Amino acid sequence: MEVRRKLEYIASFFAAFLLVLSLAVTAHSQESSCIKCHTSTKKLIELTRALAAKRPPQKSTETAGEG
């Protein structure tokens, strides 16, 4: 009885280990869309310029008074 319980414990531990290992391999193999753009300097500059062009021009915070 005790040997069977140990074998069940080892089998469940092994199954959990394989599950965690398979999830880690799957997560590692998928490439993030952020990495595609942010590792290319040219693309990063293009994206930054495009975002800056979409923003409305900033108005002056000072409308009256000195300065």
N, C-alpha and C. Protein backbone atom coordinates (compact mmCIF):
# COMPACT_ATOMS: atom_id res chain seq x y z
N MET A 1 0.83 -1.19 0.00
CA MET A 1 0.00 0.00 0.00
C MET A 1 0.88 1.26 0.00
N GLU A 2 1.92 1.24 0.82
CA GLU A 2 2.79 2.40 0.90
C GLU A 2 3.58 2.60 -0.39
N VAL A 3 3.97 1.52 -1.03
CA VAL A 3 4.71 1.61 -2.29
C VAL A 3 3.81 2.19 -3.38
N ARG A 4 2.56 1.77 -3.37
CA ARG A 4 1.62 2.28 -4.37
C ARG A 4 1.41 3.79 -4.19
N ARG A 5 1.31 4.23 -2.96
CA ARG A 5 1.12 5.66 -2.68
C ARG A 5 2.33 6.46 -3.16
N LYS A 6 3.53 5.92 -2.95
CA LYS A 6 4.74 6.60 -3.42
C LYS A 6 4.77 6.67 -4.94
N LEU A 7 4.37 5.58 -5.59
CA LEU A 7 4.33 5.58 -7.06
C LEU A 7 3.31 6.59 -7.59
N GLU A 8 2.16 6.68 -6.92
CA GLU A 8 1.15 7.67 -7.33
C GLU A 8 1.69 9.09 -7.15
N TYR A 9 2.41 9.30 -6.06
CA TYR A 9 2.99 10.62 -5.80
C TYR A 9 4.03 10.96 -6.87
N ILE A 10 4.88 10.01 -7.19
CA ILE A 10 5.91 10.24 -8.21
C ILE A 10 5.27 10.47 -9.58
N ALA A 11 4.23 9.70 -9.91
CA ALA A 11 3.56 9.86 -11.20
C ALA A 11 2.88 11.22 -11.30
N SER A 12 2.23 11.66 -10.22
CA SER A 12 1.56 12.96 -10.26
C SER A 12 2.58 14.09 -10.34
N PHE A 13 3.70 13.95 -9.64
CA PHE A 13 4.75 14.95 -9.71
C PHE A 13 5.33 15.02 -11.12
N PHE A 14 5.55 13.88 -11.74
CA PHE A 14 6.09 13.81 -13.09
C PHE A 14 5.12 14.44 -14.09
N ALA A 15 3.82 14.18 -13.93
CA ALA A 15 2.82 14.76 -14.82
C ALA A 15 2.78 16.28 -14.68
N ALA A 16 2.84 16.77 -13.45
CA ALA A 16 2.84 18.22 -13.22
C ALA A 16 4.09 18.86 -13.80
N PHE A 17 5.22 18.19 -13.66
CA PHE A 17 6.48 18.69 -14.20
C PHE A 17 6.41 18.79 -15.72
N LEU A 18 5.85 17.77 -16.37
CA LEU A 18 5.72 17.79 -17.83
C LEU A 18 4.78 18.90 -18.28
N LEU A 19 3.72 19.14 -17.52
CA LEU A 19 2.78 20.21 -17.87
C LEU A 19 3.48 21.56 -17.80
N VAL A 20 4.19 21.81 -16.73
CA VAL A 20 4.90 23.09 -16.58
C VAL A 20 5.96 23.24 -17.67
N LEU A 21 6.67 22.17 -17.95
CA LEU A 21 7.70 22.21 -18.99
C LEU A 21 7.10 22.50 -20.36
N SER A 22 5.98 21.89 -20.68
CA SER A 22 5.36 22.12 -21.99
C SER A 22 4.84 23.56 -22.10
N LEU A 23 4.32 24.11 -21.01
CA LEU A 23 3.86 25.51 -21.04
C LEU A 23 5.04 26.46 -21.23
N ALA A 24 6.15 26.17 -20.61
CA ALA A 24 7.33 27.03 -20.75
C ALA A 24 7.87 26.99 -22.17
N VAL A 25 7.89 25.82 -22.78
CA VAL A 25 8.38 25.70 -24.15
C VAL A 25 7.45 26.43 -25.11
N THR A 26 6.15 26.31 -24.90
CA THR A 26 5.17 27.00 -25.75
C THR A 26 5.31 28.51 -25.62
N ALA A 27 5.45 29.00 -24.40
CA ALA A 27 5.58 30.44 -24.19
C ALA A 27 6.87 30.97 -24.78
N HIS A 28 7.92 30.18 -24.72
CA HIS A 28 9.22 30.63 -25.25
C HIS A 28 9.22 30.67 -26.77
N SER A 29 8.47 29.79 -27.40
CA SER A 29 8.51 29.71 -28.86
C SER A 29 7.69 30.82 -29.53
N GLN A 30 6.74 31.41 -28.80
CA GLN A 30 5.92 32.47 -29.39
C GLN A 30 6.66 33.80 -29.27
N GLU A 31 6.73 34.52 -30.37
CA GLU A 31 7.43 35.80 -30.38
C GLU A 31 6.43 36.91 -30.16
N SER A 32 6.74 37.80 -29.28
CA SER A 32 5.87 38.92 -28.98
C SER A 32 5.87 39.91 -30.15
N SER A 33 4.73 40.54 -30.39
CA SER A 33 4.67 41.53 -31.46
C SER A 33 5.47 42.78 -31.08
N CYS A 34 5.67 43.01 -29.80
CA CYS A 34 6.47 44.15 -29.37
C CYS A 34 7.93 43.98 -29.78
N ILE A 35 8.41 42.75 -29.68
CA ILE A 35 9.82 42.49 -30.00
C ILE A 35 10.09 42.77 -31.47
N LYS A 36 9.13 42.50 -32.33
CA LYS A 36 9.34 42.72 -33.76
C LYS A 36 9.64 44.18 -34.07
N CYS A 37 8.91 45.09 -33.43
CA CYS A 37 9.09 46.52 -33.73
C CYS A 37 10.20 47.15 -32.90
N HIS A 38 10.27 46.80 -31.64
CA HIS A 38 11.19 47.50 -30.74
C HIS A 38 12.62 47.02 -30.81
N THR A 39 12.89 45.98 -31.58
CA THR A 39 14.28 45.58 -31.77
C THR A 39 14.84 46.15 -33.06
N SER A 40 13.98 46.72 -33.89
CA SER A 40 14.41 47.36 -35.12
C SER A 40 14.41 48.87 -34.88
N THR A 41 15.58 49.47 -34.94
CA THR A 41 15.69 50.91 -34.69
C THR A 41 14.91 51.71 -35.72
N LYS A 42 14.97 51.29 -36.96
CA LYS A 42 14.28 52.00 -38.03
C LYS A 42 12.77 51.98 -37.79
N LYS A 43 12.21 50.82 -37.46
CA LYS A 43 10.77 50.73 -37.22
C LYS A 43 10.37 51.52 -35.99
N LEU A 44 11.20 51.50 -34.96
CA LEU A 44 10.89 52.24 -33.75
C LEU A 44 10.84 53.74 -34.03
N ILE A 45 11.77 54.25 -34.83
CA ILE A 45 11.77 55.67 -35.18
C ILE A 45 10.54 56.01 -36.01
N GLU A 46 10.19 55.15 -36.96
CA GLU A 46 9.00 55.39 -37.79
C GLU A 46 7.74 55.41 -36.94
N LEU A 47 7.61 54.48 -36.00
CA LEU A 47 6.43 54.46 -35.13
C LEU A 47 6.36 55.69 -34.25
N THR A 48 7.49 56.13 -33.73
CA THR A 48 7.52 57.32 -32.87
C THR A 48 7.10 58.55 -33.66
N ARG A 49 7.59 58.69 -34.87
CA ARG A 49 7.21 59.84 -35.71
C ARG A 49 5.74 59.79 -36.08
N ALA A 50 5.22 58.61 -36.37
CA ALA A 50 3.80 58.48 -36.72
C ALA A 50 2.91 58.85 -35.54
N LEU A 51 3.29 58.43 -34.35
CA LEU A 51 2.51 58.78 -33.17
C LEU A 51 2.57 60.28 -32.89
N ALA A 52 3.73 60.88 -33.07
CA ALA A 52 3.86 62.32 -32.85
C ALA A 52 3.04 63.11 -33.86
N ALA A 53 2.94 62.63 -35.08
CA ALA A 53 2.17 63.32 -36.12
C ALA A 53 0.67 63.23 -35.84
N LYS A 54 0.22 62.20 -35.18
CA LYS A 54 -1.21 62.03 -34.89
C LYS A 54 -1.68 62.94 -33.76
N ARG A 55 -0.78 63.33 -32.89
CA ARG A 55 -1.16 64.16 -31.75
C ARG A 55 -1.45 65.59 -32.20
N PRO A 56 -2.45 66.21 -31.59
CA PRO A 56 -2.70 67.61 -31.93
C PRO A 56 -1.60 68.49 -31.35
N PRO A 57 -1.31 69.62 -31.99
CA PRO A 57 -0.25 70.49 -31.46
C PRO A 57 -0.63 71.01 -30.08
N GLN A 58 0.36 71.11 -29.21
CA GLN A 58 0.10 71.56 -27.85
C GLN A 58 -0.09 73.07 -27.82
N LYS A 59 -1.09 73.49 -27.07
CA LYS A 59 -1.34 74.91 -26.89
C LYS A 59 -0.49 75.41 -25.73
N SER A 60 -0.17 76.67 -25.77
CA SER A 60 0.59 77.26 -24.69
C SER A 60 -0.24 77.26 -23.42
N THR A 61 0.36 76.92 -22.31
CA THR A 61 -0.38 76.91 -21.05
C THR A 61 -0.57 78.32 -20.51
N GLU A 62 0.26 79.23 -20.96
CA GLU A 62 0.15 80.60 -20.49
C GLU A 62 -0.56 81.43 -21.56
N THR A 63 -1.75 81.94 -21.23
CA THR A 63 -2.52 82.71 -22.20
C THR A 63 -2.50 84.20 -21.92
N ALA A 64 -2.20 84.59 -20.69
CA ALA A 64 -2.16 86.02 -20.37
C ALA A 64 -1.13 86.24 -19.28
N GLY A 65 -0.66 87.45 -19.17
CA GLY A 65 0.28 87.78 -18.11
C GLY A 65 1.67 87.99 -18.64
N GLU A 66 2.60 88.08 -17.72
CA GLU A 66 3.99 88.33 -18.09
C GLU A 66 4.63 87.08 -18.68
N GLY A 67 5.62 87.32 -19.53
CA GLY A 67 6.42 86.23 -20.04
C GLY A 67 5.96 85.70 -21.28
